[in-house]
Amino acid sequence: MIQILFRKKLDFEGIHHYRADRLYVETSSLEFGQMDGEELGTRPFELEFNVSHQLFWMGDLNPQ
């Protein structure tokens, strides 16, 4: 897993690396689904992933 994170082992057929602000994945076969611990049954799924940019600020971690 560490080699994959550092892009040393991206030549395996089961590993794909994509760069995009939006990714849409659709299954044509029946797949088992689960969300928040609830079973969704077996059906085709459509998933959409978006990247959003947010300012991040971390306050004082050691308040006196």
PDB file of N, CA and C in Angstrom:
ATOM      1  N   MET A   1       0.819  -1.182   0.000  1.00  0.00           N
ATOM      2  CA  MET A   1       0.000   0.000   0.000  1.00  0.00           C
ATOM      3  C   MET A   1       0.872   1.258   0.000  1.00  0.00           C
ATOM      4  N   ILE A   2       1.958   1.247   0.728  1.00  0.00           N
ATOM      5  CA  ILE A   2       2.841   2.411   0.775  1.00  0.00           C
ATOM      6  C   ILE A   2       3.452   2.670  -0.596  1.00  0.00           C
ATOM      7  N   GLN A   3       3.815   1.598  -1.311  1.00  0.00           N
ATOM      8  CA  GLN A   3       4.378   1.764  -2.645  1.00  0.00           C
ATOM      9  C   GLN A   3       3.359   2.367  -3.599  1.00  0.00           C
ATOM     10  N   ILE A   4       2.099   2.024  -3.448  1.00  0.00           N
ATOM     11  CA  ILE A   4       1.050   2.601  -4.288  1.00  0.00           C
ATOM     12  C   ILE A   4       0.905   4.092  -3.982  1.00  0.00           C
ATOM     13  N   LEU A   5       0.929   4.456  -2.689  1.00  0.00           N
ATOM     14  CA  LEU A   5       0.799   5.862  -2.313  1.00  0.00           C
ATOM     15  C   LEU A   5       1.929   6.707  -2.880  1.00  0.00           C
ATOM     16  N   PHE A   6       3.126   6.135  -2.963  1.00  0.00           N
ATOM     17  CA  PHE A   6       4.266   6.866  -3.504  1.00  0.00           C
ATOM     18  C   PHE A   6       4.454   6.611  -5.004  1.00  0.00           C
ATOM     19  N   ARG A   7       3.423   6.036  -5.637  1.00  0.00           N
ATOM     20  CA  ARG A   7       3.373   5.788  -7.086  1.00  0.00           C
ATOM     21  C   ARG A   7       4.512   4.918  -7.588  1.00  0.00           C
ATOM     22  N   LYS A   8       4.919   3.946  -6.795  1.00  0.00           N
ATOM     23  CA  LYS A   8       5.979   3.029  -7.212  1.00  0.00           C
ATOM     24  C   LYS A   8       5.404   1.785  -7.885  1.00  0.00           C
ATOM     25  N   LYS A   9       4.164   1.427  -7.564  1.00  0.00           N
ATOM     26  CA  LYS A   9       3.568   0.193  -8.080  1.00  0.00           C
ATOM     27  C   LYS A   9       2.238   0.479  -8.785  1.00  0.00           C
ATOM     28  N   LEU A  10       2.250   1.343  -9.771  1.00  0.00           N
ATOM     29  CA  LEU A  10       1.023   1.667 -10.500  1.00  0.00           C
ATOM     30  C   LEU A  10       0.874   0.828 -11.763  1.00  0.00           C
ATOM     31  N   ASP A  11       1.712  -0.203 -11.942  1.00  0.00           N
ATOM     32  CA  ASP A  11       1.643  -1.000 -13.154  1.00  0.00           C
ATOM     33  C   ASP A  11       0.797  -2.266 -12.999  1.00  0.00           C
ATOM     34  N   PHE A  12       0.162  -2.498 -11.851  1.00  0.00           N
ATOM     35  CA  PHE A  12      -0.733  -3.627 -11.681  1.00  0.00           C
ATOM     36  C   PHE A  12      -2.017  -3.370 -12.448  1.00  0.00           C
ATOM     37  N   GLU A  13      -2.617  -4.428 -13.012  1.00  0.00           N
ATOM     38  CA  GLU A  13      -3.822  -4.227 -13.829  1.00  0.00           C
ATOM     39  C   GLU A  13      -5.034  -3.799 -13.003  1.00  0.00           C
ATOM     40  N   GLY A  14      -5.039  -4.075 -11.703  1.00  0.00           N
ATOM     41  CA  GLY A  14      -6.171  -3.693 -10.869  1.00  0.00           C
ATOM     42  C   GLY A  14      -6.074  -2.304 -10.274  1.00  0.00           C
ATOM     43  N   ILE A  15      -4.992  -1.588 -10.558  1.00  0.00           N
ATOM     44  CA  ILE A  15      -4.788  -0.252 -10.002  1.00  0.00           C
ATOM     45  C   ILE A  15      -4.914   0.778 -11.118  1.00  0.00           C
ATOM     46  N   HIS A  16      -5.752   1.772 -10.878  1.00  0.00           N
ATOM     47  CA  HIS A  16      -5.936   2.856 -11.845  1.00  0.00           C
ATOM     48  C   HIS A  16      -5.735   4.178 -11.120  1.00  0.00           C
ATOM     49  N   HIS A  17      -5.076   5.119 -11.752  1.00  0.00           N
ATOM     50  CA  HIS A  17      -4.829   6.428 -11.159  1.00  0.00           C
ATOM     51  C   HIS A  17      -5.459   7.482 -12.054  1.00  0.00           C
ATOM     52  N   TYR A  18      -6.409   8.246 -11.499  1.00  0.00           N
ATOM     53  CA  TYR A  18      -7.096   9.293 -12.245  1.00  0.00           C
ATOM     54  C   TYR A  18      -6.898  10.619 -11.542  1.00  0.00           C
ATOM     55  N   ARG A  19      -6.902  11.689 -12.303  1.00  0.00           N
ATOM     56  CA  ARG A  19      -6.852  13.044 -11.764  1.00  0.00           C
ATOM     57  C   ARG A  19      -7.985  13.825 -12.404  1.00  0.00           C
ATOM     58  N   ALA A  20      -8.919  14.291 -11.570  1.00  0.00           N
ATOM     59  CA  ALA A  20     -10.056  15.042 -12.092  1.00  0.00           C
ATOM     60  C   ALA A  20     -10.734  15.770 -10.931  1.00  0.00           C
ATOM     61  N   ASP A  21     -11.463  16.807 -11.249  1.00  0.00           N
ATOM     62  CA  ASP A  21     -12.264  17.497 -10.232  1.00  0.00           C
ATOM     63  C   ASP A  21     -13.605  16.805 -10.026  1.00  0.00           C
ATOM     64  N   ARG A  22     -14.004  15.985 -10.993  1.00  0.00           N
ATOM     65  CA  ARG A  22     -15.288  15.289 -10.916  1.00  0.00           C
ATOM     66  C   ARG A  22     -15.115  13.897 -11.510  1.00  0.00           C
ATOM     67  N   LEU A  23     -15.602  12.872 -10.806  1.00  0.00           N
ATOM     68  CA  LEU A  23     -15.513  11.496 -11.268  1.00  0.00           C
ATOM     69  C   LEU A  23     -16.882  10.856 -11.152  1.00  0.00           C
ATOM     70  N   TYR A  24     -17.336  10.241 -12.222  1.00  0.00           N
ATOM     71  CA  TYR A  24     -18.632   9.583 -12.266  1.00  0.00           C
ATOM     72  C   TYR A  24     -18.399   8.104 -12.551  1.00  0.00           C
ATOM     73  N   VAL A  25     -18.917   7.232 -11.691  1.00  0.00           N
ATOM     74  CA  VAL A  25     -18.746   5.789 -11.835  1.00  0.00           C
ATOM     75  C   VAL A  25     -20.123   5.156 -11.891  1.00  0.00           C
ATOM     76  N   GLU A  26     -20.324   4.295 -12.881  1.00  0.00           N
ATOM     77  CA  GLU A  26     -21.611   3.622 -13.055  1.00  0.00           C
ATOM     78  C   GLU A  26     -21.344   2.133 -13.269  1.00  0.00           C
ATOM     79  N   THR A  27     -22.095   1.283 -12.558  1.00  0.00           N
ATOM     80  CA  THR A  27     -21.951  -0.154 -12.757  1.00  0.00           C
ATOM     81  C   THR A  27     -23.073  -0.643 -13.658  1.00  0.00           C
ATOM     82  N   SER A  28     -22.750  -1.537 -14.565  1.00  0.00           N
ATOM     83  CA  SER A  28     -23.782  -2.118 -15.425  1.00  0.00           C
ATOM     84  C   SER A  28     -24.271  -3.456 -14.870  1.00  0.00           C
ATOM     85  N   SER A  29     -23.506  -4.047 -13.959  1.00  0.00           N
ATOM     86  CA  SER A  29     -23.908  -5.311 -13.346  1.00  0.00           C
ATOM     87  C   SER A  29     -24.503  -5.050 -11.962  1.00  0.00           C
ATOM     88  N   LEU A  30     -25.156  -6.050 -11.421  1.00  0.00           N
ATOM     89  CA  LEU A  30     -25.733  -5.942 -10.084  1.00  0.00           C
ATOM     90  C   LEU A  30     -24.610  -6.024  -9.055  1.00  0.00           C
ATOM     91  N   GLU A  31     -24.589  -5.072  -8.131  1.00  0.00           N
ATOM     92  CA  GLU A  31     -23.568  -5.020  -7.082  1.00  0.00           C
ATOM     93  C   GLU A  31     -24.245  -4.859  -5.728  1.00  0.00           C
ATOM     94  N   PHE A  32     -23.631  -5.418  -4.691  1.00  0.00           N
ATOM     95  CA  PHE A  32     -24.133  -5.259  -3.333  1.00  0.00           C
ATOM     96  C   PHE A  32     -23.769  -3.875  -2.831  1.00  0.00           C
ATOM     97  N   GLY A  33     -24.696  -3.208  -2.149  1.00  0.00           N
ATOM     98  CA  GLY A  33     -24.428  -1.876  -1.635  1.00  0.00           C
ATOM     99  C   GLY A  33     -24.755  -1.744  -0.161  1.00  0.00           C
ATOM    100  N   GLN A  34     -24.025  -0.857   0.509  1.00  0.00           N
ATOM    101  CA  GLN A  34     -24.247  -0.563   1.915  1.00  0.00           C
ATOM    102  C   GLN A  34     -23.887   0.888   2.160  1.00  0.00           C
ATOM    103  N   MET A  35     -24.741   1.619   2.893  1.00  0.00           N
ATOM    104  CA  MET A  35     -24.475   3.017   3.210  1.00  0.00           C
ATOM    105  C   MET A  35     -24.865   3.271   4.664  1.00  0.00           C
ATOM    106  N   ASP A  36     -23.944   3.823   5.436  1.00  0.00           N
ATOM    107  CA  ASP A  36     -24.171   4.142   6.845  1.00  0.00           C
ATOM    108  C   ASP A  36     -24.661   2.927   7.624  1.00  0.00           C
ATOM    109  N   GLY A  37     -24.133   1.734   7.291  1.00  0.00           N
ATOM    110  CA  GLY A  37     -24.506   0.515   7.998  1.00  0.00           C
ATOM    111  C   GLY A  37     -25.797  -0.120   7.518  1.00  0.00           C
ATOM    112  N   GLU A  38     -26.491   0.529   6.614  1.00  0.00           N
ATOM    113  CA  GLU A  38     -27.753  -0.003   6.089  1.00  0.00           C
ATOM    114  C   GLU A  38     -27.504  -0.685   4.758  1.00  0.00           C
ATOM    115  N   GLU A  39     -28.059  -1.885   4.589  1.00  0.00           N
ATOM    116  CA  GLU A  39     -27.910  -2.596   3.328  1.00  0.00           C
ATOM    117  C   GLU A  39     -28.835  -1.997   2.281  1.00  0.00           C
ATOM    118  N   LEU A  40     -28.307  -1.764   1.086  1.00  0.00           N
ATOM    119  CA  LEU A  40     -29.086  -1.195  -0.012  1.00  0.00           C
ATOM    120  C   LEU A  40     -29.560  -2.264  -0.990  1.00  0.00           C
ATOM    121  N   GLY A  41     -29.185  -3.497  -0.752  1.00  0.00           N
ATOM    122  CA  GLY A  41     -29.574  -4.573  -1.646  1.00  0.00           C
ATOM    123  C   GLY A  41     -28.601  -4.683  -2.817  1.00  0.00           C
ATOM    124  N   THR A  42     -28.978  -5.503  -3.773  1.00  0.00           N
ATOM    125  CA  THR A  42     -28.151  -5.731  -4.951  1.00  0.00           C
ATOM    126  C   THR A  42     -28.814  -5.056  -6.140  1.00  0.00           C
ATOM    127  N   ARG A  43     -28.098  -4.127  -6.760  1.00  0.00           N
ATOM    128  CA  ARG A  43     -28.631  -3.382  -7.901  1.00  0.00           C
ATOM    129  C   ARG A  43     -27.491  -2.658  -8.594  1.00  0.00           C
ATOM    130  N   PRO A  44     -27.713  -2.110  -9.784  1.00  0.00           N
ATOM    131  CA  PRO A  44     -26.684  -1.259 -10.402  1.00  0.00           C
ATOM    132  C   PRO A  44     -26.561   0.057  -9.625  1.00  0.00           C
ATOM    133  N   PHE A  45     -25.381   0.635  -9.591  1.00  0.00           N
ATOM    134  CA  PHE A  45     -25.151   1.869  -8.848  1.00  0.00           C
ATOM    135  C   PHE A  45     -24.571   2.949  -9.739  1.00  0.00           C
ATOM    136  N   GLU A  46     -24.845   4.189  -9.377  1.00  0.00           N
ATOM    137  CA  GLU A  46     -24.240   5.373  -9.996  1.00  0.00           C
ATOM    138  C   GLU A  46     -23.634   6.197  -8.874  1.00  0.00           C
ATOM    139  N   LEU A  47     -22.345   6.475  -8.983  1.00  0.00           N
ATOM    140  CA  LEU A  47     -21.633   7.243  -7.955  1.00  0.00           C
ATOM    141  C   LEU A  47     -20.994   8.459  -8.588  1.00  0.00           C
ATOM    142  N   GLU A  48     -21.015   9.575  -7.874  1.00  0.00           N
ATOM    143  CA  GLU A  48     -20.364  10.784  -8.346  1.00  0.00           C
ATOM    144  C   GLU A  48     -19.498  11.339  -7.224  1.00  0.00           C
ATOM    145  N   PHE A  49     -18.241  11.612  -7.537  1.00  0.00           N
ATOM    146  CA  PHE A  49     -17.294  12.174  -6.582  1.00  0.00           C
ATOM    147  C   PHE A  49     -16.887  13.553  -7.077  1.00  0.00           C
ATOM    148  N   ASN A  50     -16.910  14.532  -6.174  1.00  0.00           N
ATOM    149  CA  ASN A  50     -16.514  15.897  -6.511  1.00  0.00           C
ATOM    150  C   ASN A  50     -15.398  16.344  -5.585  1.00  0.00           C
ATOM    151  N   VAL A  51     -14.548  17.197  -6.097  1.00  0.00           N
ATOM    152  CA  VAL A  51     -13.493  17.796  -5.295  1.00  0.00           C
ATOM    153  C   VAL A  51     -13.864  19.253  -5.073  1.00  0.00           C
ATOM    154  N   SER A  52     -13.851  19.663  -3.826  1.00  0.00           N
ATOM    155  CA  SER A  52     -14.104  21.073  -3.531  1.00  0.00           C
ATOM    156  C   SER A  52     -12.926  21.590  -2.711  1.00  0.00           C
ATOM    157  N   HIS A  53     -12.647  22.849  -2.862  1.00  0.00           N
ATOM    158  CA  HIS A  53     -11.535  23.478  -2.165  1.00  0.00           C
ATOM    159  C   HIS A  53     -12.076  24.290  -1.003  1.00  0.00           C
ATOM    160  N   GLN A  54     -11.470  24.114   0.145  1.00  0.00           N
ATOM    161  CA  GLN A  54     -11.923  24.765   1.367  1.00  0.00           C
ATOM    162  C   GLN A  54     -10.707  25.341   2.075  1.00  0.00           C
ATOM    163  N   LEU A  55     -10.814  26.550   2.556  1.00  0.00           N
ATOM    164  CA  LEU A  55      -9.736  27.112   3.363  1.00  0.00           C
ATOM    165  C   LEU A  55      -9.663  26.338   4.674  1.00  0.00           C
ATOM    166  N   PHE A  56      -8.468  26.091   5.132  1.00  0.00           N
ATOM    167  CA  PHE A  56      -8.275  25.309   6.351  1.00  0.00           C
ATOM    168  C   PHE A  56      -7.463  26.136   7.330  1.00  0.00           C
ATOM    169  N   TRP A  57      -7.944  26.235   8.544  1.00  0.00           N
ATOM    170  CA  TRP A  57      -7.240  26.993   9.562  1.00  0.00           C
ATOM    171  C   TRP A  57      -7.254  26.180  10.840  1.00  0.00           C
ATOM    172  N   MET A  58      -6.098  26.025  11.442  1.00  0.00           N
ATOM    173  CA  MET A  58      -5.999  25.271  12.680  1.00  0.00           C
ATOM    174  C   MET A  58      -5.580  26.233  13.780  1.00  0.00           C
ATOM    175  N   GLY A  59      -6.369  26.287  14.817  1.00  0.00           N
ATOM    176  CA  GLY A  59      -6.072  27.179  15.929  1.00  0.00           C
ATOM    177  C   GLY A  59      -4.951  26.645  16.809  1.00  0.00           C
ATOM    178  N   ASP A  60      -4.734  27.300  17.899  1.00  0.00           N
ATOM    179  CA  ASP A  60      -3.695  26.919  18.837  1.00  0.00           C
ATOM    180  C   ASP A  60      -4.045  25.549  19.423  1.00  0.00           C
ATOM    181  N   LEU A  61      -3.173  24.570  19.227  1.00  0.00           N
ATOM    182  CA  LEU A  61      -3.433  23.224  19.719  1.00  0.00           C
ATOM    183  C   LEU A  61      -3.124  23.083  21.210  1.00  0.00           C
ATOM    184  N   ASN A  62      -2.366  24.018  21.752  1.00  0.00           N
ATOM    185  CA  ASN A  62      -1.995  23.959  23.173  1.00  0.00           C
ATOM    186  C   ASN A  62      -2.382  25.269  23.867  1.00  0.00           C
ATOM    187  N   PRO A  63      -3.683  25.485  24.091  1.00  0.00           N
ATOM    188  CA  PRO A  63      -4.074  26.745  24.760  1.00  0.00           C
ATOM    189  C   PRO A  63      -3.568  26.766  26.198  1.00  0.00           C
ATOM    190  N   GLN A  64      -3.129  27.915  26.647  1.00  0.00           N
ATOM    191  CA  GLN A  64      -2.581  28.059  28.003  1.00  0.00           C
ATOM    192  C   GLN A  64      -3.658  28.441  28.974  1.00  0.00           C
TER     193      GLN A  64
END
